[in-house]
Amino acid sequence: MKWYAYLGYFFAGAFLANSIPHFVQGISGQEFRTPFGDPSSATVNVIWGFVNLVVGSSITTALGGLCCAFNRRTVIMALGFLTMAIMLSCAFS
C-alpha cells in the first residue's frame, strides 16, 4: 500500500468519527458547536454530520474500501477514528 493510502484511511476514520457527535446532537434537537458557529442549530449539525459521513465514506471507497478482515487498512482507519474521538472528547468536555 502506498504512503498516501495510509494517510487517506487515517483521515477517513477522522471524518467518520467527527460525524457521530454532530449527527447525534442534531437528531436529538440539541445545539452543538460546528465550524459555522458556536453553538449551531440542530439542523446545521445534522447536515455537518452527514457531510463528514459522506467525506469519510468517499475517501474509503476511493482507496479501495474496507473489508471485515483485520488488516492494515482497518488498523489505520481505526487509528484515525480513535484520534479524532479523543480530540473531540477533549474539545467538548
C-alpha atoms as a PDB file:
ATOM      1  CA  MET A   1       0.000   0.000   0.000  1.00  0.00           C
ATOM      2  CA  LYS A   2       1.340   3.460  -0.908  1.00  0.00           C
ATOM      3  CA  TRP A   3       2.046   6.050   1.793  1.00  0.00           C
ATOM      4  CA  TYR A   4      -0.844   8.282   0.734  1.00  0.00           C
ATOM      5  CA  ALA A   5      -3.308   5.424   1.228  1.00  0.00           C
ATOM      6  CA  TYR A   6      -2.308   5.227   4.905  1.00  0.00           C
ATOM      7  CA  LEU A   7      -2.889   8.954   5.216  1.00  0.00           C
ATOM      8  CA  GLY A   8      -6.203   8.686   3.389  1.00  0.00           C
ATOM      9  CA  TYR A   9      -7.505   5.896   5.608  1.00  0.00           C
ATOM     10  CA  PHE A  10      -6.421   7.824   8.712  1.00  0.00           C
ATOM     11  CA  PHE A  11      -8.374  10.904   7.634  1.00  0.00           C
ATOM     12  CA  ALA A  12     -11.349   8.788   6.574  1.00  0.00           C
ATOM     13  CA  GLY A  13     -11.503   7.481  10.141  1.00  0.00           C
ATOM     14  CA  ALA A  14     -11.225  11.011  11.493  1.00  0.00           C
ATOM     15  CA  PHE A  15     -14.102  12.258   9.322  1.00  0.00           C
ATOM     16  CA  LEU A  16     -16.263   9.286  10.289  1.00  0.00           C
ATOM     17  CA  ALA A  17     -15.589   9.868  13.999  1.00  0.00           C
ATOM     18  CA  ASN A  18     -16.407  13.561  13.642  1.00  0.00           C
ATOM     19  CA  SER A  19     -19.736  12.749  12.000  1.00  0.00           C
ATOM     20  CA  ILE A  20     -21.064  10.934  15.062  1.00  0.00           C
ATOM     21  CA  PRO A  21     -21.350  13.708  17.695  1.00  0.00           C
ATOM     22  CA  HIS A  22     -22.726  16.242  15.235  1.00  0.00           C
ATOM     23  CA  PHE A  23     -25.291  13.861  13.791  1.00  0.00           C
ATOM     24  CA  VAL A  24     -26.382  12.564  17.204  1.00  0.00           C
ATOM     25  CA  GLN A  25     -26.698  16.034  18.736  1.00  0.00           C
ATOM     26  CA  GLY A  26     -28.518  17.252  15.653  1.00  0.00           C
ATOM     27  CA  ILE A  27     -31.115  14.497  15.550  1.00  0.00           C
ATOM     28  CA  SER A  28     -31.563  14.939  19.315  1.00  0.00           C
ATOM     29  CA  GLY A  29     -32.529  18.553  18.667  1.00  0.00           C
ATOM     30  CA  GLN A  30     -29.550  19.952  20.578  1.00  0.00           C
ATOM     31  CA  GLU A  31     -27.371  22.878  19.599  1.00  0.00           C
ATOM     32  CA  PHE A  32     -23.711  21.959  19.244  1.00  0.00           C
ATOM     33  CA  ARG A  33     -20.513  23.642  18.132  1.00  0.00           C
ATOM     34  CA  THR A  34     -19.575  23.462  14.425  1.00  0.00           C
ATOM     35  CA  PRO A  35     -17.134  25.432  12.257  1.00  0.00           C
ATOM     36  CA  PHE A  36     -20.110  27.615  11.295  1.00  0.00           C
ATOM     37  CA  GLY A  37     -20.840  28.997  14.747  1.00  0.00           C
ATOM     38  CA  ASP A  38     -20.879  28.333  18.452  1.00  0.00           C
ATOM     39  CA  PRO A  39     -23.422  26.917  19.030  1.00  0.00           C
ATOM     40  CA  SER A  40     -25.003  25.860  15.751  1.00  0.00           C
ATOM     41  CA  SER A  41     -28.586  24.763  15.313  1.00  0.00           C
ATOM     42  CA  ALA A  42     -29.633  21.134  15.313  1.00  0.00           C
ATOM     43  CA  THR A  43     -30.291  21.268  11.567  1.00  0.00           C
ATOM     44  CA  VAL A  44     -26.788  22.577  10.846  1.00  0.00           C
ATOM     45  CA  ASN A  45     -25.365  19.771  12.989  1.00  0.00           C
ATOM     46  CA  VAL A  46     -27.294  17.092  11.116  1.00  0.00           C
ATOM     47  CA  ILE A  47     -26.036  18.487   7.813  1.00  0.00           C
ATOM     48  CA  TRP A  48     -22.448  18.831   9.097  1.00  0.00           C
ATOM     49  CA  GLY A  49     -22.511  15.286  10.483  1.00  0.00           C
ATOM     50  CA  PHE A  50     -23.845  13.966   7.188  1.00  0.00           C
ATOM     51  CA  VAL A  51     -21.176  15.835   5.189  1.00  0.00           C
ATOM     52  CA  ASN A  52     -18.469  14.297   7.389  1.00  0.00           C
ATOM     53  CA  LEU A  53     -20.015  10.859   6.899  1.00  0.00           C
ATOM     54  CA  VAL A  54     -20.066  11.297   3.119  1.00  0.00           C
ATOM     55  CA  VAL A  55     -16.470  12.563   3.003  1.00  0.00           C
ATOM     56  CA  GLY A  56     -15.174   9.712   5.186  1.00  0.00           C
ATOM     57  CA  SER A  57     -17.067   7.111   3.180  1.00  0.00           C
ATOM     58  CA  SER A  58     -15.939   8.627  -0.119  1.00  0.00           C
ATOM     59  CA  ILE A  59     -12.279   8.554   0.898  1.00  0.00           C
ATOM     60  CA  THR A  60     -12.629   4.936   1.994  1.00  0.00           C
ATOM     61  CA  THR A  61     -14.342   3.933  -1.240  1.00  0.00           C
ATOM     62  CA  ALA A  62     -11.800   5.784  -3.385  1.00  0.00           C
ATOM     63  CA  LEU A  63      -8.942   3.963  -1.674  1.00  0.00           C
ATOM     64  CA  GLY A  64     -10.451   0.541  -2.247  1.00  0.00           C
ATOM     65  CA  GLY A  65     -12.922   0.188   0.585  1.00  0.00           C
ATOM     66  CA  LEU A  66     -12.681  -1.864   3.729  1.00  0.00           C
ATOM     67  CA  CYS A  67     -13.278  -5.475   4.498  1.00  0.00           C
ATOM     68  CA  CYS A  68     -14.095  -7.094   7.807  1.00  0.00           C
ATOM     69  CA  ALA A  69     -10.665  -8.693   7.975  1.00  0.00           C
ATOM     70  CA  PHE A  70      -8.131  -7.331  10.407  1.00  0.00           C
ATOM     71  CA  ASN A  71      -5.561  -5.704   8.136  1.00  0.00           C
ATOM     72  CA  ARG A  72      -3.509  -2.539   7.798  1.00  0.00           C
ATOM     73  CA  ARG A  73      -6.342  -0.550   6.225  1.00  0.00           C
ATOM     74  CA  THR A  74      -8.654  -1.339   9.100  1.00  0.00           C
ATOM     75  CA  VAL A  75      -6.000  -0.518  11.704  1.00  0.00           C
ATOM     76  CA  ILE A  76      -5.076   2.817  10.098  1.00  0.00           C
ATOM     77  CA  MET A  77      -8.713   3.830   9.781  1.00  0.00           C
ATOM     78  CA  ALA A  78      -9.358   2.823  13.385  1.00  0.00           C
ATOM     79  CA  LEU A  79      -6.391   4.966  14.471  1.00  0.00           C
ATOM     80  CA  GLY A  80      -7.852   7.971  12.647  1.00  0.00           C
ATOM     81  CA  PHE A  81     -11.240   7.287  14.241  1.00  0.00           C
ATOM     82  CA  LEU A  82      -9.740   6.956  17.719  1.00  0.00           C
ATOM     83  CA  THR A  83      -7.556  10.053  17.347  1.00  0.00           C
ATOM     84  CA  MET A  84     -10.494  12.220  16.298  1.00  0.00           C
ATOM     85  CA  ALA A  85     -12.731  10.742  19.014  1.00  0.00           C
ATOM     86  CA  ILE A  86     -10.185  11.600  21.712  1.00  0.00           C
ATOM     87  CA  MET A  87      -9.676  15.100  20.319  1.00  0.00           C
ATOM     88  CA  LEU A  88     -13.444  15.681  20.250  1.00  0.00           C
ATOM     89  CA  SER A  89     -13.862  14.395  23.791  1.00  0.00           C
ATOM     90  CA  CYS A  90     -11.231  16.867  24.993  1.00  0.00           C
ATOM     91  CA  ALA A  91     -12.640  19.749  22.977  1.00  0.00           C
ATOM     92  CA  PHE A  92     -16.254  19.269  24.085  1.00  0.00           C
ATOM     93  CA  SER A  93     -15.662  18.354  27.743  1.00  0.00           C
END
